[in-house]
PDB file of N, CA and C in Angstrom:
ATOM      1  N   UNK A   1      -4.804   3.217  -0.002  1.00  0.00           N
ATOM      2  CA  UNK A   1      -5.676   4.336  -0.248  1.00  0.00           C
ATOM      3  C   UNK A   1      -6.972   3.829  -0.864  1.00  0.00           C
ATOM      4  N   UNK A   2      -8.066   4.456  -0.523  1.00  0.00           N
ATOM      5  CA  UNK A   2      -9.359   4.160  -1.117  1.00  0.00           C
ATOM      6  C   UNK A   2      -9.469   5.019  -2.373  1.00  0.00           C
ATOM      7  N   UNK A   3      -9.463   4.372  -3.540  1.00  0.00           N
ATOM      8  CA  UNK A   3      -9.448   5.121  -4.796  1.00  0.00           C
ATOM      9  C   UNK A   3     -10.666   6.026  -4.934  1.00  0.00           C
ATOM     10  N   UNK A   4     -11.813   5.568  -4.448  1.00  0.00           N
ATOM     11  CA  UNK A   4     -13.037   6.354  -4.562  1.00  0.00           C
ATOM     12  C   UNK A   4     -12.957   7.680  -3.815  1.00  0.00           C
ATOM     13  N   UNK A   5     -12.392   7.647  -2.613  1.00  0.00           N
ATOM     14  CA  UNK A   5     -12.351   8.846  -1.777  1.00  0.00           C
ATOM     15  C   UNK A   5     -11.024   9.593  -1.872  1.00  0.00           C
ATOM     16  N   UNK A   6      -9.955   8.883  -2.302  1.00  0.00           N
ATOM     17  CA  UNK A   6      -8.631   9.500  -2.324  1.00  0.00           C
ATOM     18  C   UNK A   6      -8.024   9.623  -0.941  1.00  0.00           C
ATOM     19  N   UNK A   7      -8.644   8.955   0.030  1.00  0.00           N
ATOM     20  CA  UNK A   7      -8.155   9.008   1.411  1.00  0.00           C
ATOM     21  C   UNK A   7      -7.683   7.622   1.841  1.00  0.00           C
ATOM     22  N   UNK A   8      -7.093   7.550   3.002  1.00  0.00           N
ATOM     23  CA  UNK A   8      -6.585   6.287   3.533  1.00  0.00           C
ATOM     24  C   UNK A   8      -7.714   5.254   3.592  1.00  0.00           C
ATOM     25  N   UNK A   9      -7.386   3.989   3.263  1.00  0.00           N
ATOM     26  CA  UNK A   9      -8.344   2.894   3.369  1.00  0.00           C
ATOM     27  C   UNK A   9      -8.453   2.519   4.836  1.00  0.00           C
ATOM     28  N   UNK A  10      -9.672   2.548   5.366  1.00  0.00           N
ATOM     29  CA  UNK A  10      -9.893   2.288   6.783  1.00  0.00           C
ATOM     30  C   UNK A  10     -10.659   0.996   6.996  1.00  0.00           C
ATOM     31  N   UNK A  11     -10.311   0.279   8.042  1.00  0.00           N
ATOM     32  CA  UNK A  11     -11.048  -0.887   8.505  1.00  0.00           C
ATOM     33  C   UNK A  11     -11.273  -0.681   9.995  1.00  0.00           C
ATOM     34  N   UNK A  12     -12.535  -0.685  10.395  1.00  0.00           N
ATOM     35  CA  UNK A  12     -12.897  -0.417  11.797  1.00  0.00           C
ATOM     36  C   UNK A  12     -12.308   0.896  12.286  1.00  0.00           C
ATOM     37  N   UNK A  13     -12.289   1.900  11.406  1.00  0.00           N
ATOM     38  CA  UNK A  13     -11.817   3.231  11.770  1.00  0.00           C
ATOM     39  C   UNK A  13     -10.310   3.391  11.817  1.00  0.00           C
ATOM     40  N   UNK A  14      -9.563   2.326  11.470  1.00  0.00           N
ATOM     41  CA  UNK A  14      -8.101   2.404  11.514  1.00  0.00           C
ATOM     42  C   UNK A  14      -7.516   2.274  10.112  1.00  0.00           C
ATOM     43  N   UNK A  15      -6.496   3.075   9.826  1.00  0.00           N
ATOM     44  CA  UNK A  15      -5.814   3.041   8.532  1.00  0.00           C
ATOM     45  C   UNK A  15      -5.083   1.719   8.344  1.00  0.00           C
ATOM     46  N   UNK A  16      -5.280   1.103   7.169  1.00  0.00           N
ATOM     47  CA  UNK A  16      -4.571  -0.129   6.846  1.00  0.00           C
ATOM     48  C   UNK A  16      -3.187   0.250   6.334  1.00  0.00           C
ATOM     49  N   UNK A  17      -2.154  -0.272   6.976  1.00  0.00           N
ATOM     50  CA  UNK A  17      -0.788   0.025   6.553  1.00  0.00           C
ATOM     51  C   UNK A  17       0.115  -1.153   6.913  1.00  0.00           C
ATOM     52  N   UNK A  18       1.315  -1.117   6.387  1.00  0.00           N
ATOM     53  CA  UNK A  18       2.292  -2.154   6.673  1.00  0.00           C
ATOM     54  C   UNK A  18       3.680  -1.546   6.584  1.00  0.00           C
ATOM     55  N   UNK A  19       4.592  -2.118   7.339  1.00  0.00           N
ATOM     56  CA  UNK A  19       5.967  -1.618   7.350  1.00  0.00           C
ATOM     57  C   UNK A  19       6.921  -2.802   7.324  1.00  0.00           C
ATOM     58  N   UNK A  20       7.956  -2.707   6.502  1.00  0.00           N
ATOM     59  CA  UNK A  20       8.960  -3.755   6.398  1.00  0.00           C
ATOM     60  C   UNK A  20      10.328  -3.107   6.469  1.00  0.00           C
ATOM     61  N   UNK A  21      11.190  -3.668   7.289  1.00  0.00           N
ATOM     62  CA  UNK A  21      12.581  -3.235   7.347  1.00  0.00           C
ATOM     63  C   UNK A  21      13.407  -4.268   6.597  1.00  0.00           C
ATOM     64  N   UNK A  22      14.242  -3.805   5.688  1.00  0.00           N
ATOM     65  CA  UNK A  22      15.050  -4.739   4.906  1.00  0.00           C
ATOM     66  C   UNK A  22      16.375  -4.102   4.524  1.00  0.00           C
ATOM     67  N   UNK A  23      17.332  -4.953   4.187  1.00  0.00           N
ATOM     68  CA  UNK A  23      18.624  -4.528   3.672  1.00  0.00           C
ATOM     69  C   UNK A  23      18.764  -5.136   2.284  1.00  0.00           C
ATOM     70  N   UNK A  24      18.798  -4.308   1.234  1.00  0.00           N
ATOM     71  CA  UNK A  24      18.892  -4.849  -0.124  1.00  0.00           C
ATOM     72  C   UNK A  24      20.227  -5.553  -0.357  1.00  0.00           C
ATOM     73  N   UNK A  25      20.145  -6.678  -1.072  1.00  0.00           N
ATOM     74  CA  UNK A  25      21.357  -7.420  -1.406  1.00  0.00           C
ATOM     75  C   UNK A  25      21.813  -7.148  -2.836  1.00  0.00           C
ATOM     76  N   UNK A  26      20.892  -6.660  -3.672  1.00  0.00           N
ATOM     77  CA  UNK A  26      21.209  -6.286  -5.050  1.00  0.00           C
ATOM     78  C   UNK A  26      20.479  -4.994  -5.382  1.00  0.00           C
ATOM     79  N   UNK A  27      20.870  -4.349  -6.471  1.00  0.00           N
ATOM     80  CA  UNK A  27      20.247  -3.080  -6.865  1.00  0.00           C
ATOM     81  C   UNK A  27      18.809  -3.256  -7.319  1.00  0.00           C
ATOM     82  N   UNK A  28      18.445  -4.453  -7.791  1.00  0.00           N
ATOM     83  CA  UNK A  28      17.089  -4.661  -8.296  1.00  0.00           C
ATOM     84  C   UNK A  28      16.349  -5.753  -7.521  1.00  0.00           C
ATOM     85  N   UNK A  29      16.604  -5.850  -6.243  1.00  0.00           N
ATOM     86  CA  UNK A  29      15.978  -6.869  -5.405  1.00  0.00           C
ATOM     87  C   UNK A  29      14.506  -6.581  -5.150  1.00  0.00           C
ATOM     88  N   UNK A  30      13.846  -7.518  -4.501  1.00  0.00           N
ATOM     89  CA  UNK A  30      12.438  -7.397  -4.163  1.00  0.00           C
ATOM     90  C   UNK A  30      12.233  -7.712  -2.696  1.00  0.00           C
ATOM     91  N   UNK A  31      11.153  -7.184  -2.157  1.00  0.00           N
ATOM     92  CA  UNK A  31      10.756  -7.499  -0.792  1.00  0.00           C
ATOM     93  C   UNK A  31       9.229  -7.595  -0.785  1.00  0.00           C
ATOM     94  N   UNK A  32       8.699  -8.534  -0.028  1.00  0.00           N
ATOM     95  CA  UNK A  32       7.253  -8.710   0.079  1.00  0.00           C
ATOM     96  C   UNK A  32       6.731  -7.902   1.252  1.00  0.00           C
ATOM     97  N   UNK A  33       5.663  -7.152   1.010  1.00  0.00           N
ATOM     98  CA  UNK A  33       5.003  -6.379   2.052  1.00  0.00           C
ATOM     99  C   UNK A  33       3.596  -6.955   2.201  1.00  0.00           C
ATOM    100  N   UNK A  34       3.282  -7.452   3.387  1.00  0.00           N
ATOM    101  CA  UNK A  34       1.974  -8.065   3.631  1.00  0.00           C
ATOM    102  C   UNK A  34       1.075  -7.114   4.415  1.00  0.00           C
ATOM    103  N   UNK A  35      -0.215  -7.155   4.099  1.00  0.00           N
ATOM    104  CA  UNK A  35      -1.217  -6.368   4.801  1.00  0.00           C
ATOM    105  C   UNK A  35      -2.202  -7.338   5.437  1.00  0.00           C
ATOM    106  N   UNK A  36      -2.469  -7.187   6.716  1.00  0.00           N
ATOM    107  CA  UNK A  36      -3.406  -8.048   7.417  1.00  0.00           C
ATOM    108  C   UNK A  36      -4.556  -7.191   7.948  1.00  0.00           C
ATOM    109  N   UNK A  37      -5.779  -7.518   7.500  1.00  0.00           N
ATOM    110  CA  UNK A  37      -6.953  -6.785   7.963  1.00  0.00           C
ATOM    111  C   UNK A  37      -8.198  -7.615   7.673  1.00  0.00           C
ATOM    112  N   UNK A  38      -9.326  -7.205   8.217  1.00  0.00           N
ATOM    113  CA  UNK A  38     -10.601  -7.882   8.006  1.00  0.00           C
ATOM    114  C   UNK A  38     -11.078  -7.608   6.584  1.00  0.00           C
ATOM    115  N   UNK A  39     -10.930  -8.580   5.712  1.00  0.00           N
ATOM    116  CA  UNK A  39     -11.276  -8.425   4.307  1.00  0.00           C
ATOM    117  C   UNK A  39     -12.760  -8.411   4.024  1.00  0.00           C
ATOM    118  N   UNK A  40     -13.593  -8.638   5.034  1.00  0.00           N
ATOM    119  CA  UNK A  40     -15.038  -8.641   4.804  1.00  0.00           C
ATOM    120  C   UNK A  40     -15.557  -7.254   4.414  1.00  0.00           C
ATOM    121  N   UNK A  41     -14.744  -6.220   4.611  1.00  0.00           N
ATOM    122  CA  UNK A  41     -15.168  -4.860   4.241  1.00  0.00           C
ATOM    123  C   UNK A  41     -14.994  -4.599   2.743  1.00  0.00           C
ATOM    124  N   UNK A  42     -14.329  -5.512   2.044  1.00  0.00           N
ATOM    125  CA  UNK A  42     -14.090  -5.349   0.608  1.00  0.00           C
ATOM    126  C   UNK A  42     -15.260  -5.943  -0.170  1.00  0.00           C
ATOM    127  N   UNK A  43     -15.740  -5.176  -1.158  1.00  0.00           N
ATOM    128  CA  UNK A  43     -16.793  -5.671  -2.039  1.00  0.00           C
ATOM    129  C   UNK A  43     -16.432  -5.356  -3.483  1.00  0.00           C
ATOM    130  N   UNK A  44     -17.321  -5.639  -4.412  1.00  0.00           N
ATOM    131  CA  UNK A  44     -17.025  -5.439  -5.840  1.00  0.00           C
ATOM    132  C   UNK A  44     -16.727  -3.991  -6.207  1.00  0.00           C
ATOM    133  N   UNK A  45     -17.171  -3.047  -5.397  1.00  0.00           N
ATOM    134  CA  UNK A  45     -16.945  -1.625  -5.681  1.00  0.00           C
ATOM    135  C   UNK A  45     -15.662  -1.094  -5.051  1.00  0.00           C
ATOM    136  N   UNK A  46     -14.984  -1.919  -4.285  1.00  0.00           N
ATOM    137  CA  UNK A  46     -13.784  -1.482  -3.570  1.00  0.00           C
ATOM    138  C   UNK A  46     -12.564  -1.494  -4.479  1.00  0.00           C
ATOM    139  N   UNK A  47     -11.847  -0.381  -4.517  1.00  0.00           N
ATOM    140  CA  UNK A  47     -10.557  -0.291  -5.202  1.00  0.00           C
ATOM    141  C   UNK A  47      -9.555   0.275  -4.206  1.00  0.00           C
ATOM    142  N   UNK A  48      -8.532  -0.521  -3.914  1.00  0.00           N
ATOM    143  CA  UNK A  48      -7.498  -0.106  -2.965  1.00  0.00           C
ATOM    144  C   UNK A  48      -6.202   0.090  -3.734  1.00  0.00           C
ATOM    145  N   UNK A  49      -5.550   1.233  -3.530  1.00  0.00           N
ATOM    146  CA  UNK A  49      -4.288   1.538  -4.200  1.00  0.00           C
ATOM    147  C   UNK A  49      -3.188   1.615  -3.140  1.00  0.00           C
ATOM    148  N   UNK A  50      -2.117   0.858  -3.362  1.00  0.00           N
ATOM    149  CA  UNK A  50      -1.014   0.832  -2.406  1.00  0.00           C
ATOM    150  C   UNK A  50      -0.037   1.960  -2.727  1.00  0.00           C
ATOM    151  N   UNK A  51       0.246   2.789  -1.749  1.00  0.00           N
ATOM    152  CA  UNK A  51       1.268   3.820  -1.850  1.00  0.00           C
ATOM    153  C   UNK A  51       2.502   3.314  -1.115  1.00  0.00           C
ATOM    154  N   UNK A  52       3.677   3.697  -1.589  1.00  0.00           N
ATOM    155  CA  UNK A  52       4.925   3.251  -0.978  1.00  0.00           C
ATOM    156  C   UNK A  52       5.827   4.445  -0.672  1.00  0.00           C
ATOM    157  N   UNK A  53       6.499   4.374   0.460  1.00  0.00           N
ATOM    158  CA  UNK A  53       7.508   5.365   0.819  1.00  0.00           C
ATOM    159  C   UNK A  53       8.728   4.600   1.310  1.00  0.00           C
ATOM    160  N   UNK A  54       9.885   4.965   0.799  1.00  0.00           N
ATOM    161  CA  UNK A  54      11.127   4.301   1.169  1.00  0.00           C
ATOM    162  C   UNK A  54      11.996   5.271   1.963  1.00  0.00           C
ATOM    163  N   UNK A  55      12.479   4.791   3.097  1.00  0.00           N
ATOM    164  CA  UNK A  55      13.344   5.597   3.957  1.00  0.00           C
ATOM    165  C   UNK A  55      14.701   4.922   4.085  1.00  0.00           C
ATOM    166  N   UNK A  56      15.708   5.733   4.186  1.00  0.00           N
ATOM    167  CA  UNK A  56      17.039   5.256   4.566  1.00  0.00           C
ATOM    168  C   UNK A  56      17.352   5.969   5.866  1.00  0.00           C
ATOM    169  N   UNK A  57      17.488   5.197   6.920  1.00  0.00           N
ATOM    170  CA  UNK A  57      17.554   5.743   8.268  1.00  0.00           C
ATOM    171  C   UNK A  57      16.270   6.538   8.487  1.00  0.00           C
ATOM    172  N   UNK A  58      16.331   7.794   8.764  1.00  0.00           N
ATOM    173  CA  UNK A  58      15.137   8.607   8.990  1.00  0.00           C
ATOM    174  C   UNK A  58      14.800   9.503   7.797  1.00  0.00           C
ATOM    175  N   UNK A  59      15.530   9.353   6.686  1.00  0.00           N
ATOM    176  CA  UNK A  59      15.361  10.241   5.533  1.00  0.00           C
ATOM    177  C   UNK A  59      14.533   9.573   4.443  1.00  0.00           C
ATOM    178  N   UNK A  60      13.474  10.249   4.017  1.00  0.00           N
ATOM    179  CA  UNK A  60      12.652   9.758   2.909  1.00  0.00           C
ATOM    180  C   UNK A  60      13.447   9.883   1.621  1.00  0.00           C
ATOM    181  N   UNK A  61      13.614   8.751   0.886  1.00  0.00           N
ATOM    182  CA  UNK A  61      14.416   8.807  -0.336  1.00  0.00           C
ATOM    183  C   UNK A  61      13.624   8.467  -1.597  1.00  0.00           C
ATOM    184  N   UNK A  62      12.412   7.907  -1.450  1.00  0.00           N
ATOM    185  CA  UNK A  62      11.590   7.603  -2.621  1.00  0.00           C
ATOM    186  C   UNK A  62      10.128   7.481  -2.204  1.00  0.00           C
ATOM    187  N   UNK A  63       9.237   7.892  -3.122  1.00  0.00           N
ATOM    188  CA  UNK A  63       7.797   7.808  -2.884  1.00  0.00           C
ATOM    189  C   UNK A  63       7.122   7.358  -4.168  1.00  0.00           C
ATOM    190  N   UNK A  64       6.162   6.454  -4.023  1.00  0.00           N
ATOM    191  CA  UNK A  64       5.309   6.062  -5.144  1.00  0.00           C
ATOM    192  C   UNK A  64       3.883   6.212  -4.643  1.00  0.00           C
ATOM    193  N   UNK A  65       3.211   7.281  -5.063  1.00  0.00           N
ATOM    194  CA  UNK A  65       1.875   7.601  -4.559  1.00  0.00           C
ATOM    195  C   UNK A  65       0.987   8.065  -5.699  1.00  0.00           C
ATOM    196  N   UNK A  66       0.726   7.164  -6.651  1.00  0.00           N
ATOM    197  CA  UNK A  66      -0.092   7.486  -7.817  1.00  0.00           C
ATOM    198  C   UNK A  66      -1.433   6.771  -7.696  1.00  0.00           C
ATOM    199  N   UNK A  67      -2.492   7.508  -7.396  1.00  0.00           N
ATOM    200  CA  UNK A  67      -3.817   6.936  -7.179  1.00  0.00           C
ATOM    201  C   UNK A  67      -4.356   6.243  -8.435  1.00  0.00           C
ATOM    202  N   UNK A  68      -3.824   6.560  -9.613  1.00  0.00           N
ATOM    203  CA  UNK A  68      -4.292   5.971 -10.863  1.00  0.00           C
ATOM    204  C   UNK A  68      -3.410   4.831 -11.377  1.00  0.00           C
ATOM    205  N   UNK A  69      -2.426   4.391 -10.591  1.00  0.00           N
ATOM    206  CA  UNK A  69      -1.524   3.327 -11.020  1.00  0.00           C
ATOM    207  C   UNK A  69      -2.229   1.970 -10.929  1.00  0.00           C
ATOM    208  N   UNK A  70      -2.555   1.392 -12.074  1.00  0.00           N
ATOM    209  CA  UNK A  70      -3.272   0.108 -12.117  1.00  0.00           C
ATOM    210  C   UNK A  70      -2.430  -1.033 -11.526  1.00  0.00           C
ATOM    211  N   UNK A  71      -1.106  -0.952 -11.638  1.00  0.00           N
ATOM    212  CA  UNK A  71      -0.234  -2.007 -11.094  1.00  0.00           C
ATOM    213  C   UNK A  71      -0.207  -1.985  -9.558  1.00  0.00           C
ATOM    214  N   UNK A  72      -0.637  -0.896  -8.959  1.00  0.00           N
ATOM    215  CA  UNK A  72      -0.661  -0.783  -7.509  1.00  0.00           C
ATOM    216  C   UNK A  72      -2.089  -0.905  -6.957  1.00  0.00           C
ATOM    217  N   UNK A  73      -3.050  -1.239  -7.838  1.00  0.00           N
ATOM    218  CA  UNK A  73      -4.470  -1.258  -7.459  1.00  0.00           C
ATOM    219  C   UNK A  73      -4.994  -2.676  -7.291  1.00  0.00           C
ATOM    220  N   UNK A  74      -5.739  -2.877  -6.199  1.00  0.00           N
ATOM    221  CA  UNK A  74      -6.439  -4.141  -5.975  1.00  0.00           C
ATOM    222  C   UNK A  74      -7.923  -3.906  -6.213  1.00  0.00           C
ATOM    223  N   UNK A  75      -8.509  -4.737  -7.064  1.00  0.00           N
ATOM    224  CA  UNK A  75      -9.950  -4.679  -7.316  1.00  0.00           C
ATOM    225  C   UNK A  75     -10.532  -6.064  -7.101  1.00  0.00           C
ATOM    226  N   UNK A  76     -11.679  -6.149  -6.448  1.00  0.00           N
ATOM    227  CA  UNK A  76     -12.387  -7.409  -6.266  1.00  0.00           C
ATOM    228  C   UNK A  76     -12.964  -7.842  -7.614  1.00  0.00           C
ATOM    229  N   UNK A  77     -12.744  -9.079  -7.985  1.00  0.00           N
ATOM    230  CA  UNK A  77     -13.266  -9.584  -9.267  1.00  0.00           C
ATOM    231  C   UNK A  77     -14.302 -10.647  -9.075  1.00  0.00           C
TER     232      UNK A  77
END
């Protein structure tokens, strides 16, 4: 998400997103989610916030969508 606009972060008119399918091995496991896009659109004023949605089969079971979450925010330094 683009923190400034509150809308999806776009590159060349397309929403930047990523999807990972995984099977947890422990209750507190981790998985890496990578995003690939043209980073030249990012500048010092860009703040990108990652939102997460977790599905089990086709059912949404968890959402993390806090535009003010600093731990989910990328800022150019």
